[in-house]
Amino acid sequence: MPASSALDTHALEVFLAVAEAGGMTAAAKRLHISQSGVSQIISNLEKDLGVPLIDRSIRPPALTSAGRVLYERASGLLTEIRELRNDVRKAAKLPAADLRLGMDMSFAAVFGPHLARALRGRIARLRVNAGQTPKLVESFMTRELDMIVVSDDELAAQPGFAVTRLFTEPYILALPQGFDGEANALAGLAQALDFVRYGAHTTVGRNVEMHLSRLKVHPPMVYAFDNTDSLLAMVAGGLGWAVTTPMCVLQSHAHARDVRFEPLPGPQAARPVCLIARLGELDELSGSIARTSIGIVTDHFLPALRQLMPWAVERIVIESAEEAFASPR
């Protein structure tokens, strides 16, 4: 094999992106580099190995047999190289080189600054991606992110993942301050006021719709928003009622003072907030982040919540670090 620098970690990361995204254009978009750059890296990698990795004669392009072998091995190799790099830095008492951490938008707003401050000195470079849970899970599955904090624990049922439940928060009722009608039944509330809902592609939106459907409450579609800022602004303006969560409210505190929050009437619903990592990868760091996050719940989240809706504090279920790591999956 001729001497070359093409077979490096970046080239392998690009190759994995091409294989998982289904093409160079999609991989370029995912990696935020040009398509020509991706094509050049793959060509250099093929030249370096002396074999074609992608069959370009078919549409869409597919991995060759050699490409499939490289794909199966590359992911593990990249993990080992990254762990080796971090172990060397740890031995030299240097911070871990890099962490790509995805956070649910509400978690990022409420916990992000405290968590970043706690990680200072432990990680040389922290890259945070704040977004909606479904997109974060997708990015985690394609290895664009190393860990994610999301309001979803479905990956707990799949092997190879460490899913740590940090805490569970209730869904709550958000009402206009001037509303003086009955709020002890969602069906009656839906008749008295318009329902301001989250978009159906958000995890909160889907969970709320399922809860209402189980109760046979079907408010007509009038308002739908992707973010809590807009949703609470509508409620604060007297245009309707909504179902949200305490963490979402603290994310959008600008409108919180003009909204009345009450427990959800009838059967209760809650959402878990979980840290998800890969078993065998960055285990020590993920454990530290989980414990730090649980500490932030007690030291910052609950005191802030107590100022706004003290009744909700007792409805937050906090996992202890020992319980959280007692049965990794």
Foldseek 3Di string as FASTA:
>chain_A
DDDDPLPDLVLLLLLLLCQVLQHLVSSCVVVVHDSVVSVVSQVRVCVVVVHHQWDVPDPPIHGDPVVVVSNVVSVVVSLVVLVVQQVVCVVVLFAREEFEEEEEQLCCLQPVVVLVVVCVRNYPYYHYHYDFQVVVVVCVVSVVGFKYKHQDDVCQVPPFKFKFFFKKWWKWKKAFPPDDDDQQDVQVQLVVAAEAAEDCVGPRRVVVVVVCVVVVRDRDDDHYHNALQVSLVCRLVRRGMYIDTLSSCVSNVVSLVRIDIDGHHDDIDMTTTIMMHGPPGCVVVSLVSSQSSSVCCVPPVLVVSCVRPVVRSVVMGGDHSCRRPVDTD
